[in-house]
Protein backbone atom coordinates (compact mmCIF):
# COMPACT_ATOMS: atom_id res chain seq x y z
CA MET A 1 -12.76 21.55 13.88
CA SER A 2 -10.66 20.37 16.87
CA GLY A 3 -7.07 19.68 16.04
CA PRO A 4 -5.33 16.30 16.72
CA ALA A 5 -4.47 15.67 20.32
CA PRO A 6 -0.77 16.33 20.99
CA ALA A 7 1.47 13.35 21.32
CA ALA A 8 2.07 12.12 24.79
CA ALA A 9 5.67 12.73 25.73
CA GLY A 10 7.55 9.57 24.91
CA ARG A 11 4.50 7.51 23.99
CA VAL A 12 5.60 5.26 21.12
CA GLY A 13 4.34 2.18 19.30
CA TRP A 14 5.72 -1.17 18.02
CA LEU A 15 4.41 -3.33 15.25
CA ASP A 16 5.06 -7.06 15.30
CA LEU A 17 4.80 -8.12 11.71
CA SER A 18 6.31 -11.62 12.15
CA CYS A 19 3.21 -13.07 10.52
CA GLY A 20 2.84 -10.52 7.85
CA VAL A 21 0.60 -7.54 7.47
CA SER A 22 -2.54 -6.38 5.59
CA GLY A 23 -4.79 -3.43 5.80
CA ASP A 24 -7.57 -5.15 7.75
CA MET A 25 -5.10 -6.57 10.21
CA LEU A 26 -3.77 -3.22 10.99
CA LEU A 27 -7.35 -1.92 11.46
CA GLY A 28 -8.05 -4.73 13.85
CA ALA A 29 -4.85 -4.14 15.85
CA LEU A 30 -5.66 -0.48 16.26
CA VAL A 31 -9.24 -1.23 17.50
CA ASP A 32 -8.00 -3.98 19.79
CA ALA A 33 -5.41 -1.53 21.26
CA GLY A 34 -8.15 0.86 22.21
CA VAL A 35 -8.87 3.00 19.13
CA PRO A 36 -12.64 3.31 19.06
CA LEU A 37 -14.15 1.77 15.93
CA ALA A 38 -16.02 5.09 15.52
CA VAL A 39 -12.74 6.76 14.66
CA PRO A 40 -11.94 4.99 11.44
CA ALA A 41 -15.63 4.62 10.67
CA ALA A 42 -16.11 8.46 10.85
CA ALA A 43 -13.24 9.19 8.71
CA ILE A 44 -14.50 6.70 6.01
CA ASP A 45 -17.95 8.27 6.27
CA THR A 46 -16.47 11.71 5.17
CA LEU A 47 -15.80 10.12 1.78
CA GLY A 48 -19.45 9.71 1.01
CA LEU A 49 -19.01 6.05 -0.03
CA PRO A 50 -21.30 3.04 0.78
CA ILE A 51 -18.88 1.54 3.27
CA ARG A 52 -19.31 0.53 7.00
CA LEU A 53 -17.08 -1.39 9.41
CA GLU A 54 -17.93 -4.26 11.74
CA ALA A 55 -15.63 -5.58 14.46
CA ARG A 56 -15.82 -8.95 16.02
CA GLN A 57 -13.73 -11.11 18.39
CA VAL A 58 -11.96 -14.12 16.95
CA ARG A 59 -9.14 -16.50 17.86
CA ARG A 60 -6.06 -17.27 15.76
CA SER A 61 -4.06 -20.28 16.95
CA GLY A 62 -5.63 -19.85 20.32
CA LEU A 63 -4.88 -16.14 20.76
CA ALA A 64 -7.77 -13.61 21.09
CA ALA A 65 -7.81 -10.91 18.43
CA THR A 66 -10.10 -8.39 16.77
CA LYS A 67 -11.18 -8.90 13.17
CA VAL A 68 -12.50 -5.72 11.43
CA ASP A 69 -14.46 -6.40 8.28
CA VAL A 70 -15.22 -3.78 5.63
CA ILE A 71 -18.85 -4.13 4.44
CA ALA A 72 -19.09 -2.62 0.96
CA PRO A 73 -20.79 -3.49 -2.32
CA ASP A 74 -18.89 -5.83 -4.59
CA GLY A 75 -17.55 -4.47 -7.90
CA GLY A 76 -14.48 -4.16 -9.99
CA HIS A 77 -14.55 -0.33 -10.39
CA SER A 78 -11.12 0.88 -11.41
CA ARG A 79 -9.81 4.23 -10.07
CA THR A 80 -6.81 6.11 -11.22
CA TRP A 81 -4.30 7.75 -8.85
CA ALA A 82 -5.84 11.14 -9.85
CA ASP A 83 -9.40 9.83 -8.92
CA ILE A 84 -8.23 8.77 -5.45
CA ARG A 85 -6.19 11.84 -4.79
CA GLU A 86 -9.13 14.04 -5.71
CA LEU A 87 -11.46 11.94 -3.39
CA LEU A 88 -9.00 12.45 -0.44
CA ALA A 89 -8.37 16.13 -1.18
CA ALA A 90 -12.12 16.93 -1.37
CA ALA A 91 -13.20 15.02 1.73
CA PRO A 92 -13.46 16.86 5.12
CA LEU A 93 -10.75 14.75 6.70
CA ALA A 94 -8.48 15.80 9.44
CA ASP A 95 -5.18 16.90 8.05
CA ALA A 96 -3.15 14.20 9.76
CA THR A 97 -5.51 11.47 8.35
CA ARG A 98 -5.58 13.00 4.81
CA ASP A 99 -1.74 13.29 4.65
CA LEU A 100 -1.11 9.67 5.82
CA ALA A 101 -3.75 8.29 3.54
CA THR A 102 -2.49 10.40 0.45
CA ALA A 103 1.09 9.43 1.13
CA THR A 104 0.21 5.64 1.33
CA PHE A 105 -1.72 5.85 -2.06
CA ALA A 106 1.24 7.87 -3.49
CA ALA A 107 3.66 5.06 -2.44
CA LEU A 108 1.42 2.46 -4.07
CA ALA A 109 1.15 4.42 -7.27
CA ALA A 110 4.90 4.92 -7.45
CA ALA A 111 5.47 1.17 -6.88
CA GLU A 112 2.88 0.14 -9.44
CA ALA A 113 4.24 2.55 -11.99
CA ARG A 114 7.73 1.15 -11.71
CA VAL A 115 6.53 -2.48 -11.66
CA HIS A 116 4.59 -1.91 -14.90
CA GLY A 117 6.92 0.63 -16.52
CA ILE A 118 4.40 3.46 -16.89
CA ASP A 119 3.95 6.96 -15.55
CA PRO A 120 2.32 7.20 -12.15
CA ALA A 121 -0.47 9.26 -13.65
CA GLU A 122 -1.41 6.31 -15.74
CA VAL A 123 -1.73 3.85 -12.89
CA HIS A 124 -5.15 2.22 -12.53
CA PHE A 125 -5.49 0.73 -9.08
CA HIS A 126 -8.22 -1.83 -9.88
CA GLU A 127 -9.03 -3.52 -6.55
CA VAL A 128 -6.67 -1.05 -4.85
CA GLY A 129 -9.18 1.54 -5.72
CA ALA A 130 -12.05 -0.49 -4.77
CA LEU A 131 -14.19 0.54 -1.65
CA ASP A 132 -12.70 -1.99 0.74
CA ALA A 133 -9.11 -0.90 0.16
CA ILE A 134 -9.95 2.73 0.32
CA ALA A 135 -11.61 1.87 3.66
CA ASP A 136 -8.47 0.09 4.95
CA ILE A 137 -6.06 2.94 4.11
CA VAL A 138 -8.25 5.77 5.24
CA GLY A 139 -9.30 3.81 8.41
CA VAL A 140 -5.71 2.88 9.42
CA SER A 141 -4.59 6.39 8.75
CA ALA A 142 -7.27 7.79 11.02
CA GLY A 143 -6.31 5.22 13.70
CA PHE A 144 -2.79 6.22 13.79
CA ALA A 145 -3.67 9.88 13.65
CA HIS A 146 -5.84 9.25 16.63
CA LEU A 147 -3.00 7.68 18.63
CA ALA A 148 -0.65 10.50 17.76
CA LEU A 149 2.44 8.49 18.59
CA ALA A 150 5.83 10.12 19.05
CA GLY A 151 7.38 7.33 17.04
CA LEU A 152 6.55 3.78 15.62
CA VAL A 153 8.89 0.93 15.19
CA ALA A 154 8.22 -2.18 13.12
CA THR A 155 9.78 -5.50 12.92
CA PRO A 156 11.08 -6.80 9.59
CA ILE A 157 7.95 -7.89 7.56
CA ALA A 158 7.22 -11.59 6.97
CA LEU A 159 6.25 -11.95 3.28
CA GLY A 160 5.37 -15.58 2.81
CA GLY A 161 6.12 -17.42 -0.38
CA GLY A 162 4.77 -19.71 -3.01
CA ARG A 163 2.55 -18.65 -5.91
CA ALA A 164 -0.71 -16.74 -6.31
CA ARG A 165 -3.18 -16.83 -9.23
CA THR A 166 -4.01 -13.16 -10.39
CA ALA A 167 -5.62 -11.31 -13.09
CA HIS A 168 -2.14 -11.30 -14.72
CA GLY A 169 -1.65 -15.01 -14.35
CA VAL A 170 0.25 -17.04 -11.73
CA LEU A 171 2.80 -14.76 -10.00
CA PRO A 172 5.44 -15.53 -7.34
CA ILE A 173 4.99 -14.37 -3.79
CA PRO A 174 6.12 -11.95 -2.59
CA GLY A 175 4.53 -9.92 -5.40
CA PRO A 176 6.36 -7.33 -7.46
CA ALA A 177 4.51 -4.32 -5.94
CA VAL A 178 5.37 -5.44 -2.39
CA LEU A 179 9.02 -5.85 -3.18
CA GLU A 180 9.13 -2.42 -4.78
CA LEU A 181 7.44 -0.77 -1.92
CA LEU A 182 10.11 -2.30 0.36
CA ARG A 183 13.02 -1.35 -1.93
CA ALA A 184 11.90 2.18 -2.25
CA ALA A 185 11.60 2.72 1.60
CA GLY A 186 14.70 0.56 2.40
CA ALA A 187 12.43 -1.52 4.72
CA PRO A 188 13.61 -4.96 5.98
CA ALA A 189 11.75 -8.16 5.27
CA LEU A 190 12.05 -11.93 5.21
CA GLY A 191 10.52 -14.75 3.22
CA GLY A 192 8.25 -17.38 4.75
CA PRO A 193 7.66 -18.77 7.32
CA VAL A 194 4.82 -20.36 5.24
CA ALA A 195 4.17 -20.82 1.49
CA VAL A 196 1.14 -18.35 1.34
CA GLU A 197 0.98 -14.66 0.79
CA LEU A 198 1.53 -12.95 4.14
CA CYS A 199 2.05 -9.32 3.16
CA THR A 200 -0.25 -7.47 0.74
CA PRO A 201 0.65 -4.26 -1.18
CA THR A 202 -1.87 -2.26 1.01
CA GLY A 203 -0.25 -3.60 4.17
CA ALA A 204 3.22 -2.91 2.96
CA ALA A 205 2.33 0.61 1.80
CA LEU A 206 0.79 1.51 5.12
CA VAL A 207 3.75 0.13 7.13
CA VAL A 208 6.49 1.87 5.06
CA THR A 209 4.52 5.09 5.23
CA VAL A 210 3.60 5.19 8.97
CA ALA A 211 6.64 3.46 10.55
CA SER A 212 9.55 5.77 11.70
CA GLY A 213 12.02 2.87 12.12
CA PHE A 214 12.50 -0.93 12.08
CA GLY A 215 13.67 -3.21 14.79
CA ASP A 216 12.89 -5.01 18.04
CA LEU A 217 10.51 -3.88 20.62
CA PRO A 218 12.22 -0.80 22.34
CA ALA A 219 12.39 -0.26 26.09
CA VAL A 220 8.80 0.84 27.00
CA ARG A 221 6.38 0.75 29.81
CA VAL A 222 3.49 -1.12 28.03
CA THR A 223 0.14 0.60 28.27
CA ALA A 224 -1.85 -1.18 25.53
CA VAL A 225 -1.59 -4.17 23.34
CA GLY A 226 -3.80 -4.95 20.26
CA CYS A 227 -3.97 -7.93 18.03
CA GLY A 228 -5.48 -7.58 14.57
CA ALA A 229 -6.55 -10.88 12.88
CA GLY A 230 -6.30 -11.83 9.24
CA THR A 231 -9.06 -13.82 7.60
CA ARG A 232 -7.21 -17.15 7.59
CA ASP A 233 -6.38 -19.26 10.70
CA LEU A 234 -2.95 -20.66 9.73
CA PRO A 235 -2.29 -24.04 11.44
CA GLY A 236 0.29 -23.65 14.32
CA ARG A 237 0.88 -19.92 13.64
CA PRO A 238 -1.23 -17.03 14.67
CA ASN A 239 -2.19 -14.94 11.71
CA LEU A 240 -1.91 -11.56 13.60
CA VAL A 241 -0.52 -8.18 13.50
CA ARG A 242 0.43 -7.04 17.16
CA LEU A 243 0.53 -3.33 18.07
CA VAL A 244 2.11 -2.47 21.41
CA VAL A 245 1.80 1.07 22.69
CA GLY A 246 3.73 2.41 25.62
CA ASP A 247 5.81 5.06 27.25
CA ALA A 248 9.48 5.00 26.11
CA LEU A 249 12.05 4.42 28.89
CA ASP A 250 14.77 5.66 26.54
CA ALA A 251 13.81 8.60 24.42
CA THR A 252 16.69 7.92 21.92
CA ALA A 253 15.56 4.28 21.31
CA VAL A 254 12.62 5.23 19.09
CA PRO A 255 13.16 7.45 15.97
CA PRO A 256 10.61 10.12 15.82
CA PRO A 257 8.22 10.59 12.79
CA VAL A 258 9.94 12.46 10.10
CA PRO A 259 8.59 14.18 7.02
CA ARG A 260 8.51 11.66 4.20
CA PRO A 261 10.17 12.49 0.80
CA GLN A 262 7.45 12.86 -1.84
CA HIS A 263 7.11 10.02 -4.31
CA ALA A 264 7.07 10.77 -7.94
CA ALA A 265 3.35 10.01 -7.92
CA HIS A 266 2.84 12.60 -5.22
CA ASP A 267 4.73 15.54 -6.64
CA HIS A 268 2.08 16.90 -8.97
CA LEU A 269 -0.52 16.70 -6.14
CA ALA A 270 0.93 19.58 -4.22
CA HIS A 271 -0.70 22.41 -6.14
CA ASP A 272 -4.08 20.78 -6.34
CA HIS A 273 -4.01 19.74 -2.65
CA GLN A 274 -3.13 23.35 -1.65
CA LEU A 275 -6.04 24.69 -3.57
CA ALA A 276 -8.37 22.19 -2.00
CA HIS A 277 -7.00 22.99 1.45
CA ASP A 278 -7.47 26.75 0.86
CA ARG A 279 -11.02 26.15 -0.37
CA GLN A 280 -11.70 24.00 2.84
CA LEU A 281 -10.20 26.68 5.14
CA ALA A 282 -12.59 29.20 3.60
CA HIS A 283 -15.39 26.79 4.10
CA ASP A 284 -14.40 26.25 7.76
CA HIS A 285 -14.37 29.91 8.40
CA ALA A 286 -17.83 30.18 7.03
CA GLY A 287 -18.91 27.91 9.84
CA HIS A 288 -20.51 25.16 7.64
CA ARG A 289 -18.04 22.34 7.68
CA HIS A 290 -19.13 18.90 8.74
CA ALA A 291 -15.57 17.58 9.37
CA GLU A 292 -13.87 14.69 10.82
CA ALA A 293 -12.83 16.03 14.16
CA GLU A 294 -9.82 14.55 15.80
CA PRO A 295 -11.04 12.88 18.98
CA HIS A 296 -9.88 13.34 22.51
CA ARG A 297 -7.75 10.32 23.17
CA HIS A 298 -9.04 9.40 26.62
CA ASP A 299 -10.43 5.84 26.87
CA PRO A 300 -11.89 4.94 30.28
CA ARG A 301 -10.95 1.25 29.76
CA PRO A 302 -7.76 0.23 31.66
CA ASP A 303 -4.67 -1.02 29.57
CA ARG A 304 -5.95 0.41 26.33
CA ALA A 305 -4.78 3.55 24.35
CA THR A 306 -4.19 5.67 27.52
CA GLY A 307 -3.56 2.84 29.94
CA ASP A 308 -5.05 4.69 32.91
CA ALA A 309 -8.80 4.19 33.79
CA ASN A 310 -8.56 6.98 36.36
CA ALA A 311 -6.82 9.55 34.25
CA GLN A 312 -8.14 13.13 34.34
CA GLY A 313 -11.20 13.40 32.05
CA ALA A 314 -12.26 9.83 32.75
CA GLY A 315 -16.01 9.41 32.05
CA GLN A 316 -16.17 12.54 29.91
CA PRO A 317 -17.79 12.38 26.38
CA THR A 318 -15.33 11.81 23.60
CA ALA A 319 -15.85 13.71 20.44
CA VAL A 320 -15.20 11.63 17.30
CA ALA A 321 -15.97 13.24 13.92
CA GLY A 322 -19.31 14.71 14.93
CA ILE A 323 -19.88 11.71 17.27
CA ASP A 324 -20.21 12.17 21.08
CA VAL A 325 -19.34 8.94 22.91
CA ALA A 326 -20.49 8.87 26.51
CA ASP A 327 -21.41 5.96 28.88
CA GLY A 328 -21.03 3.47 26.01
CA VAL A 329 -23.43 5.32 23.74
CA ALA A 330 -22.46 6.98 20.48
CA VAL A 331 -24.53 10.01 19.58
CA THR A 332 -24.31 11.06 15.94
CA ALA A 333 -25.84 13.82 13.95
CA GLU A 334 -27.60 12.27 10.98
CA LEU A 335 -30.44 12.98 8.58
CA VAL A 336 -33.77 11.34 7.73
CA LEU A 337 -34.94 11.65 4.12
CA GLU A 338 -38.56 11.06 3.59
CA ALA A 339 -41.20 11.27 0.82
CA ASN A 340 -44.92 10.44 0.44
CA VAL A 341 -45.57 8.21 -2.62
CA ASP A 342 -49.06 7.31 -3.84
CA ASP A 343 -48.45 6.10 -7.40
CA LEU A 344 -45.83 3.33 -7.21
CA ASP A 345 -46.68 -0.27 -7.79
CA PRO A 346 -46.28 -1.79 -4.30
CA ARG A 347 -44.44 -4.81 -5.64
CA VAL A 348 -41.43 -2.48 -6.32
CA TRP A 349 -41.05 -1.31 -2.69
CA PRO A 350 -38.67 -4.20 -1.63
CA SER A 351 -36.23 -3.30 -4.28
CA VAL A 352 -36.47 0.35 -3.40
CA LEU A 353 -35.41 -0.35 0.17
CA ALA A 354 -32.63 -2.61 -0.96
CA ALA A 355 -31.34 0.06 -3.33
CA LEU A 356 -31.26 2.73 -0.55
CA LEU A 357 -29.30 0.43 1.78
CA ALA A 358 -26.86 -0.29 -1.12
CA ALA A 359 -26.38 3.39 -1.55
CA GLY A 360 -25.30 3.92 1.90
CA ALA A 361 -28.43 4.47 4.15
CA ALA A 362 -28.05 3.16 7.54
CA ASP A 363 -31.67 2.19 7.64
CA ALA A 364 -34.73 2.40 5.29
CA TRP A 365 -38.29 1.71 5.99
CA LEU A 366 -41.88 2.18 4.73
CA THR A 367 -45.10 3.35 6.55
CA PRO A 368 -48.64 3.07 5.03
CA ILE A 369 -50.52 6.31 5.18
CA LEU A 370 -53.81 7.83 3.98
CA MET A 371 -53.40 11.03 1.94
CA LYS A 372 -55.83 13.68 0.93
CA LYS A 373 -59.07 12.59 -0.80
CA GLY A 374 -58.70 9.16 0.83
CA ARG A 375 -55.79 7.97 -1.31
CA PRO A 376 -53.73 5.15 0.07
CA ALA A 377 -50.02 5.74 0.02
CA HIS A 378 -46.70 5.11 1.67
CA THR A 379 -44.08 7.41 3.40
CA LEU A 380 -40.55 6.23 2.46
CA ARG A 381 -37.81 7.07 5.04
CA ALA A 382 -34.15 6.58 5.12
CA LEU A 383 -31.64 7.32 7.94
CA VAL A 384 -28.50 8.71 6.35
CA ALA A 385 -25.02 9.96 7.50
CA PRO A 386 -24.29 13.35 6.02
CA GLY A 387 -21.43 12.07 3.82
CA ARG A 388 -23.85 9.64 2.22
CA LEU A 389 -26.63 12.05 1.56
CA PRO A 390 -26.14 12.67 -2.18
CA ALA A 391 -26.03 9.02 -3.07
CA VAL A 392 -29.09 8.06 -1.00
CA ARG A 393 -31.04 11.12 -2.23
CA ALA A 394 -30.14 10.19 -5.96
CA ALA A 395 -31.29 6.53 -5.28
CA ILE A 396 -34.71 7.80 -3.95
CA PHE A 397 -35.22 9.88 -7.07
CA ARG A 398 -33.95 7.06 -9.39
CA HIS A 399 -36.03 4.21 -7.88
CA THR A 400 -39.25 5.87 -7.00
CA SER A 401 -41.79 8.12 -8.63
CA THR A 402 -41.47 11.00 -6.12
CA LEU A 403 -40.85 14.54 -7.34
CA GLY A 404 -39.54 15.76 -3.99
CA LEU A 405 -38.41 14.79 -0.56
CA ARG A 406 -37.91 16.21 2.91
CA GLU A 407 -34.63 16.35 4.85
CA ILE A 408 -34.80 16.21 8.68
CA PRO A 409 -31.86 16.54 11.05
CA VAL A 410 -31.87 13.94 13.80
CA ARG A 411 -29.47 12.70 16.51
CA LYS A 412 -28.94 8.88 16.63
CA HIS A 413 -27.98 7.19 19.80
CA ALA A 414 -26.26 3.90 19.31
CA LEU A 415 -24.74 1.29 21.62
CA ALA A 416 -21.27 0.00 20.85
CA ARG A 417 -21.56 -3.39 19.14
CA SER A 418 -19.40 -6.12 17.73
CA MET A 419 -19.93 -9.32 15.66
CA ARG A 420 -19.33 -12.76 17.13
CA ALA A 421 -20.50 -16.32 16.14
CA VAL A 422 -22.20 -19.27 17.66
CA GLU A 423 -22.66 -22.83 16.29
CA VAL A 424 -26.21 -24.23 15.80
CA ALA A 425 -25.87 -27.98 15.11
CA GLY A 426 -22.39 -27.35 13.72
CA HIS A 427 -23.43 -24.38 11.51
CA PRO A 428 -22.03 -20.83 12.36
CA VAL A 429 -24.56 -18.04 12.91
CA ARG A 430 -23.25 -14.44 13.28
CA VAL A 431 -24.63 -12.61 16.29
CA LYS A 432 -24.50 -8.78 16.88
CA VAL A 433 -23.55 -8.23 20.50
CA SER A 434 -23.47 -5.13 22.67
CA PRO A 435 -22.29 -4.57 26.30
CA GLY A 436 -25.23 -2.18 26.74
CA PRO A 437 -24.65 1.37 28.22
CA ASP A 438 -22.34 2.09 31.23
CA ARG A 439 -20.13 -1.07 30.57
CA ALA A 440 -16.74 -1.62 29.06
CA PHE A 441 -16.67 -3.55 25.73
CA ASP A 442 -13.61 -5.51 26.36
CA GLN A 443 -15.38 -7.96 28.70
CA PRO A 444 -14.23 -11.57 28.75
CA ALA A 445 -16.17 -14.43 26.99
CA GLY A 446 -19.53 -14.96 28.75
CA PRO A 447 -23.15 -13.70 28.89
CA VAL A 448 -23.82 -10.29 27.15
CA PRO A 449 -26.75 -7.94 27.77
CA VAL A 450 -27.68 -7.56 24.07
CA ALA A 451 -27.33 -10.31 21.46
CA GLN A 452 -29.14 -10.35 18.10
CA PRO A 453 -28.48 -13.24 15.55
CA GLU A 454 -28.23 -12.12 11.91
CA TRP A 455 -31.38 -13.05 10.15
CA GLU A 456 -29.64 -14.04 6.91
CA ASP A 457 -27.59 -16.67 8.75
CA VAL A 458 -30.57 -17.96 10.72
CA ALA A 459 -32.62 -18.43 7.36
CA LEU A 460 -29.71 -20.15 5.71
CA VAL A 461 -28.94 -22.55 8.54
CA ALA A 462 -32.68 -23.31 8.92
CA GLU A 463 -32.76 -24.28 5.21
CA LYS A 464 -29.67 -26.47 5.60
CA LEU A 465 -30.95 -28.26 8.74
CA GLY A 466 -34.58 -28.42 7.66
CA TRP A 467 -35.56 -26.70 10.88
CA PRO A 468 -38.18 -23.88 11.48
CA ALA A 469 -36.33 -20.58 11.36
CA ARG A 470 -37.76 -19.70 14.80
CA GLU A 471 -35.95 -22.70 16.33
CA VAL A 472 -32.56 -21.82 14.78
CA LEU A 473 -33.18 -18.26 16.10
CA ALA A 474 -34.06 -19.41 19.61
CA ALA A 475 -31.04 -21.78 19.64
CA ALA A 476 -28.59 -19.01 18.51
CA CYS A 477 -29.99 -16.57 21.12
CA ALA A 478 -29.68 -19.22 23.85
CA LEU A 479 -26.00 -19.92 22.87
CA ALA A 480 -25.19 -16.18 22.75
CA TYR A 481 -26.65 -15.29 26.06
CA ALA A 482 -24.90 -18.22 27.64
CA GLY A 483 -21.62 -17.03 26.24
CA GLN A 484 -20.97 -20.09 24.22
CA TRP A 485 -19.01 -18.55 21.37
CA SER A 486 -17.68 -20.39 18.32
CA ASP A 487 -14.13 -20.38 17.06
CA LEU A 488 -15.45 -21.26 13.67
CA PRO A 489 -15.41 -18.32 11.22
CA PRO A 490 -18.88 -17.32 10.04
CA THR A 491 -17.89 -18.18 6.43
CA ALA A 492 -16.60 -21.66 7.15
CA ASP A 493 -19.92 -23.53 6.60
CA GLY A 494 -21.86 -21.51 4.17
CA PRO A 495 -23.31 -18.34 5.66
CA ASP A 496 -21.99 -15.25 3.99
CA ASP A 497 -20.33 -12.87 6.49
CA HIS A 498 -19.88 -10.37 3.63
CA GLN A 499 -16.10 -10.24 4.13
CA HIS A 500 -14.59 -8.40 1.29
CA GLY A 501 -13.26 -10.62 -1.37
CA THR A 502 -12.16 -13.76 0.32
CA GLU A 503 -8.84 -15.00 -1.11
CA PRO A 504 -8.30 -18.16 -3.17
CA ALA A 505 -7.79 -21.42 -1.23
CA GLY A 506 -4.24 -21.63 0.00
CA GLN A 507 -3.40 -18.00 -0.42
CA GLY A 508 -3.52 -14.68 1.36
CA THR A 509 -4.08 -13.01 4.64
CA GLY A 510 -7.48 -11.65 4.14
CA ASP A 511 -6.64 -8.15 3.10
CA GLN A 512 -8.27 -7.49 -0.28
CA GLY A 513 -7.03 -3.79 -0.73
CA VAL A 514 -4.58 -4.92 -3.48
CA ASP A 515 -4.01 -5.01 -7.13
CA PRO A 516 -5.16 -8.32 -8.59
CA GLY A 517 -1.78 -8.67 -10.25
CA HIS A 518 0.11 -8.75 -6.97
CA ALA A 519 -2.00 -10.38 -4.36
CA PRO A 520 -4.84 -12.74 -3.81
């Protein structure tokens, strides 16, 4: 396992939280500032959970930004602090990522315990333990570990106001857990400027854990700027978190990261974490670890995380958690699971494929074959990341009649991609776009080499308009290749963009990694 890249001398960050903060907004700001999406995605993959990330370009009050969506199955599964701490301790995460994620959850557990008057060990996180929130916290932790900043300053946090309907009834904004997190950390905040929730517990926990100080933008030579969008587009006010990265002009202006005092919820973790760490070290020395490797931080794009397109090492492959990124193509080590089945009612196969995808398979497909003695059969195959192997394997055995399967190592080559939207007769259709190999992804609006509309959106819009689906598909492709992108969010007129837990009308920033009692 390669260790984290050393912090560049004097390279610091600044978070503009004047419009609030949430987990997905921080993810978007990190990616927009140049952290490859593969970095948080690879860290999340080590957890073995059915989660994936999608990034797309949006505008908030006329400003361009990146929106990162967490794609995960719905569900109200409740996890305790012990469950989450065990999950993080067991995953092959880089130490910097694991420590930051664990500290963030520890802060949340301590805040929830104080708010509800219970012991931290008794805290049930509800939606904080749901897949999307775990993805936010682990992904943001991996992003900041990747940047390896010498210090991070944040502005006072805008909290919003008003009321929010929760599982515990109607509660005032800011929520109790947010205020407790700020009190415990001594972090500055302010109410407003609008009567909606602008700061979620997940966002607050991440900021108070990762920030080394609070204040205005210090004197820096700016090398990268990232804007992360929330779900809502607030009238007249950009719903953004801005991350500025630069070289400090005054080394004393930015406090360096300091070891955080352990929260009460974190104290009893030390022994268990040390045991897990020792076991992992032994596993590493045996040479069998599939770990999240900290990536080299060179990015050949100008004005991004490194700020220099001609820096030494430009054009070299970047290793990201088992992923080699070169010439715009990510190469990952994955697995294909396959089994020949000749005794399953063919009407069952569509539900089998759906079950494998829900379990975390990147793809699943079926091939008709002819077996011995002339028996017709099918070969079932699923493409799987190593971290999701147990869940997909279990799904194959559960949903089919096979008594065995084969596991084949493969290398997947994938172009960078993002999600945008076009409007067909006033209806949004998501389009997966890619710059192709050998091209920078941060190109301005305009034609793209690869564009593929999402079929679910095409079918839904065709039904609404009464058009043949092929006509909607052709119209969406023509708009995409012409670069005629829409400002309308894909959820605005019906098509489901699978954003996690859209907030009630009039509330929220779009981050759903929060307890239902304290945020939308």
